[in-house]
Amino acid sequence: MAMERTAVNPVSWSQELGFNQGELVSGHDRTLYISGQTAMSAEGAPLHDGDISAQLGLAVDNLEAVLESAGMTLSNLIRLNVYTTDVDQLFPHYGILAARLGAAQIAPTTTMLGVSRLAIPGQLVELEGTAVG
């Protein structure tokens, strides 16, 4: 049985922002829980200090790398948590993430949280997800 996703949206405003209120998933046999991904190099060095746009792009790249290592793509992403040290600073650059999700033709359930800091000093955004396949 192939994985089937059914959007659950008792209201429509969230779809205009690129996410579903809920997703009912059936027909899958694997679940991948993805730790928070930030703008870190493959060697573990933080990159793009102070540049939230570049950090967001690299965090998405790193999220995709974890998915690919599990034989999945962004299309398998069901849940996405976005943590940022500055929500107002992130919003003008959110299109970077939205474009990647749109290209994958998904609108995963999403929560964005403003936090006082992330684990690595200088990091401004972190992406955590759940994927099924």
C-alpha atoms as a PDB file:
ATOM      1  CA  MET A   1       0.000   0.000   0.000  1.00  0.00           C
ATOM      2  CA  ALA A   2       1.388   3.413  -0.948  1.00  0.00           C
ATOM      3  CA  MET A   3       1.604   6.204   1.594  1.00  0.00           C
ATOM      4  CA  GLU A   4      -1.475   8.419   1.468  1.00  0.00           C
ATOM      5  CA  ARG A   5      -1.665  11.950   2.900  1.00  0.00           C
ATOM      6  CA  THR A   6      -4.962  13.646   3.593  1.00  0.00           C
ATOM      7  CA  ALA A   7      -4.937  17.307   4.606  1.00  0.00           C
ATOM      8  CA  VAL A   8      -7.143  18.172   7.567  1.00  0.00           C
ATOM      9  CA  ASN A   9      -8.072  21.856   7.523  1.00  0.00           C
ATOM     10  CA  PRO A  10     -11.191  22.958   9.412  1.00  0.00           C
ATOM     11  CA  VAL A  11     -10.102  26.517   8.504  1.00  0.00           C
ATOM     12  CA  SER A  12      -8.389  27.725   5.332  1.00  0.00           C
ATOM     13  CA  TRP A  13      -6.038  30.502   6.486  1.00  0.00           C
ATOM     14  CA  SER A  14      -3.152  28.145   7.237  1.00  0.00           C
ATOM     15  CA  GLN A  15      -3.089  26.829   3.675  1.00  0.00           C
ATOM     16  CA  GLU A  16      -2.524  30.390   2.453  1.00  0.00           C
ATOM     17  CA  LEU A  17       0.577  30.445   4.696  1.00  0.00           C
ATOM     18  CA  GLY A  18       1.808  27.094   3.351  1.00  0.00           C
ATOM     19  CA  PHE A  19       0.876  24.602   6.053  1.00  0.00           C
ATOM     20  CA  ASN A  20      -1.970  22.257   6.928  1.00  0.00           C
ATOM     21  CA  GLN A  21      -3.666  22.201  10.315  1.00  0.00           C
ATOM     22  CA  GLY A  22      -3.273  18.427  10.326  1.00  0.00           C
ATOM     23  CA  GLU A  23      -2.364  15.536   8.079  1.00  0.00           C
ATOM     24  CA  LEU A  24      -3.811  12.064   8.254  1.00  0.00           C
ATOM     25  CA  VAL A  25      -1.198   9.581   7.037  1.00  0.00           C
ATOM     26  CA  SER A  26      -1.819   5.948   6.177  1.00  0.00           C
ATOM     27  CA  GLY A  27      -0.060   3.209   4.264  1.00  0.00           C
ATOM     28  CA  HIS A  28       3.432   3.917   5.542  1.00  0.00           C
ATOM     29  CA  ASP A  29       5.813   1.596   7.340  1.00  0.00           C
ATOM     30  CA  ARG A  30       8.702   3.855   8.382  1.00  0.00           C
ATOM     31  CA  THR A  31       8.856   6.985  10.525  1.00  0.00           C
ATOM     32  CA  LEU A  32      11.924   9.217  10.691  1.00  0.00           C
ATOM     33  CA  TYR A  33      12.307  11.660  13.583  1.00  0.00           C
ATOM     34  CA  ILE A  34      14.762  14.374  12.563  1.00  0.00           C
ATOM     35  CA  SER A  35      16.823  16.216  15.160  1.00  0.00           C
ATOM     36  CA  GLY A  36      17.076  19.981  14.905  1.00  0.00           C
ATOM     37  CA  GLN A  37      19.075  21.005  11.842  1.00  0.00           C
ATOM     38  CA  THR A  38      20.945  24.309  11.802  1.00  0.00           C
ATOM     39  CA  ALA A  39      23.528  26.016   9.610  1.00  0.00           C
ATOM     40  CA  MET A  40      26.356  23.627  10.440  1.00  0.00           C
ATOM     41  CA  SER A  41      28.997  22.372   8.036  1.00  0.00           C
ATOM     42  CA  ALA A  42      29.505  18.634   7.511  1.00  0.00           C
ATOM     43  CA  GLU A  43      32.437  18.947   9.932  1.00  0.00           C
ATOM     44  CA  GLY A  44      30.234  20.473  12.664  1.00  0.00           C
ATOM     45  CA  ALA A  45      31.309  24.101  12.331  1.00  0.00           C
ATOM     46  CA  PRO A  46      28.616  26.777  12.580  1.00  0.00           C
ATOM     47  CA  LEU A  47      28.306  28.844   9.382  1.00  0.00           C
ATOM     48  CA  HIS A  48      26.772  32.167   8.319  1.00  0.00           C
ATOM     49  CA  ASP A  49      26.971  33.936  11.687  1.00  0.00           C
ATOM     50  CA  GLY A  50      24.284  36.623  11.849  1.00  0.00           C
ATOM     51  CA  ASP A  51      22.844  35.843   8.367  1.00  0.00           C
ATOM     52  CA  ILE A  52      19.413  34.326   8.995  1.00  0.00           C
ATOM     53  CA  SER A  53      18.695  33.930   5.272  1.00  0.00           C
ATOM     54  CA  ALA A  54      21.832  31.875   4.624  1.00  0.00           C
ATOM     55  CA  GLN A  55      21.302  29.938   7.851  1.00  0.00           C
ATOM     56  CA  LEU A  56      17.753  29.015   6.861  1.00  0.00           C
ATOM     57  CA  GLY A  57      18.899  27.806   3.440  1.00  0.00           C
ATOM     58  CA  LEU A  58      21.636  25.633   4.923  1.00  0.00           C
ATOM     59  CA  ALA A  59      19.307  24.291   7.630  1.00  0.00           C
ATOM     60  CA  VAL A  60      16.916  23.134   4.883  1.00  0.00           C
ATOM     61  CA  ASP A  61      19.862  21.572   3.012  1.00  0.00           C
ATOM     62  CA  ASN A  62      20.863  19.725   6.180  1.00  0.00           C
ATOM     63  CA  LEU A  63      17.269  18.584   6.784  1.00  0.00           C
ATOM     64  CA  GLU A  64      17.169  17.231   3.237  1.00  0.00           C
ATOM     65  CA  ALA A  65      20.490  15.442   3.773  1.00  0.00           C
ATOM     66  CA  VAL A  66      19.034  13.537   6.732  1.00  0.00           C
ATOM     67  CA  LEU A  67      15.952  12.653   4.682  1.00  0.00           C
ATOM     68  CA  GLU A  68      18.096  11.462   1.767  1.00  0.00           C
ATOM     69  CA  SER A  69      20.233   9.339   4.104  1.00  0.00           C
ATOM     70  CA  ALA A  70      17.035   7.549   5.108  1.00  0.00           C
ATOM     71  CA  GLY A  71      15.933   7.096   1.481  1.00  0.00           C
ATOM     72  CA  MET A  72      13.358   9.881   1.711  1.00  0.00           C
ATOM     73  CA  THR A  73      12.806  13.372   0.282  1.00  0.00           C
ATOM     74  CA  LEU A  74      11.038  16.513   1.441  1.00  0.00           C
ATOM     75  CA  SER A  75       7.838  14.962   0.089  1.00  0.00           C
ATOM     76  CA  ASN A  76       7.943  12.565   3.056  1.00  0.00           C
ATOM     77  CA  LEU A  77       7.995  15.411   5.611  1.00  0.00           C
ATOM     78  CA  ILE A  78       4.804  15.404   7.691  1.00  0.00           C
ATOM     79  CA  ARG A  79       5.741  17.653  10.632  1.00  0.00           C
ATOM     80  CA  LEU A  80       8.098  20.630  10.777  1.00  0.00           C
ATOM     81  CA  ASN A  81       9.049  22.643  13.845  1.00  0.00           C
ATOM     82  CA  VAL A  82      10.839  25.934  13.211  1.00  0.00           C
ATOM     83  CA  TYR A  83      12.761  27.470  16.098  1.00  0.00           C
ATOM     84  CA  THR A  84      14.227  30.952  15.794  1.00  0.00           C
ATOM     85  CA  THR A  85      15.817  33.500  18.056  1.00  0.00           C
ATOM     86  CA  ASP A  86      13.917  36.265  16.206  1.00  0.00           C
ATOM     87  CA  VAL A  87      10.542  35.537  14.605  1.00  0.00           C
ATOM     88  CA  ASP A  88      10.262  39.050  13.143  1.00  0.00           C
ATOM     89  CA  GLN A  89      13.703  38.743  11.524  1.00  0.00           C
ATOM     90  CA  LEU A  90      12.865  35.294  10.108  1.00  0.00           C
ATOM     91  CA  PHE A  91       9.543  36.184   8.447  1.00  0.00           C
ATOM     92  CA  PRO A  92      11.038  38.210   5.546  1.00  0.00           C
ATOM     93  CA  HIS A  93      13.207  35.189   4.664  1.00  0.00           C
ATOM     94  CA  TYR A  94      10.590  32.464   5.237  1.00  0.00           C
ATOM     95  CA  GLY A  95      10.060  32.235   1.466  1.00  0.00           C
ATOM     96  CA  ILE A  96      13.322  30.271   1.261  1.00  0.00           C
ATOM     97  CA  LEU A  97      11.699  27.447   3.215  1.00  0.00           C
ATOM     98  CA  ALA A  98       8.248  27.886   1.680  1.00  0.00           C
ATOM     99  CA  ALA A  99       9.682  27.633  -1.858  1.00  0.00           C
ATOM    100  CA  ARG A 100      11.423  24.347  -1.062  1.00  0.00           C
ATOM    101  CA  LEU A 101       8.272  22.893   0.504  1.00  0.00           C
ATOM    102  CA  GLY A 102       6.176  24.143  -2.405  1.00  0.00           C
ATOM    103  CA  ALA A 103       8.555  22.569  -4.931  1.00  0.00           C
ATOM    104  CA  ALA A 104       8.064  19.265  -3.080  1.00  0.00           C
ATOM    105  CA  GLN A 105       4.295  19.871  -3.262  1.00  0.00           C
ATOM    106  CA  ILE A 106       3.820  19.551   0.480  1.00  0.00           C
ATOM    107  CA  ALA A 107       2.408  21.681   3.267  1.00  0.00           C
ATOM    108  CA  PRO A 108       3.498  19.834   6.422  1.00  0.00           C
ATOM    109  CA  THR A 109       1.980  20.644   9.770  1.00  0.00           C
ATOM    110  CA  THR A 110       4.209  23.398  11.114  1.00  0.00           C
ATOM    111  CA  THR A 111       4.905  25.225  14.345  1.00  0.00           C
ATOM    112  CA  MET A 112       7.185  28.257  14.599  1.00  0.00           C
ATOM    113  CA  LEU A 113       8.575  29.159  17.992  1.00  0.00           C
ATOM    114  CA  GLY A 114      10.634  32.100  19.138  1.00  0.00           C
ATOM    115  CA  VAL A 115      13.303  31.014  21.608  1.00  0.00           C
ATOM    116  CA  SER A 116      15.830  32.979  23.643  1.00  0.00           C
ATOM    117  CA  ARG A 117      18.757  31.102  22.072  1.00  0.00           C
ATOM    118  CA  LEU A 118      19.735  27.925  20.288  1.00  0.00           C
ATOM    119  CA  ALA A 119      22.359  25.428  21.465  1.00  0.00           C
ATOM    120  CA  ILE A 120      25.129  26.800  19.241  1.00  0.00           C
ATOM    121  CA  PRO A 121      25.927  30.509  19.757  1.00  0.00           C
ATOM    122  CA  GLY A 122      25.295  32.555  16.615  1.00  0.00           C
ATOM    123  CA  GLN A 123      22.702  30.168  15.220  1.00  0.00           C
ATOM    124  CA  LEU A 124      19.394  31.942  14.516  1.00  0.00           C
ATOM    125  CA  VAL A 125      17.148  29.189  13.122  1.00  0.00           C
ATOM    126  CA  GLU A 126      16.703  25.443  13.652  1.00  0.00           C
ATOM    127  CA  LEU A 127      14.444  22.982  11.817  1.00  0.00           C
ATOM    128  CA  GLU A 128      13.151  19.754  13.370  1.00  0.00           C
ATOM    129  CA  GLY A 129      10.895  17.326  11.542  1.00  0.00           C
ATOM    130  CA  THR A 130       9.054  14.052  11.268  1.00  0.00           C
ATOM    131  CA  ALA A 131       8.876  12.142   7.996  1.00  0.00           C
ATOM    132  CA  VAL A 132       7.084   8.953   7.022  1.00  0.00           C
ATOM    133  CA  GLY A 133       7.554   6.616   4.105  1.00  0.00           C
END
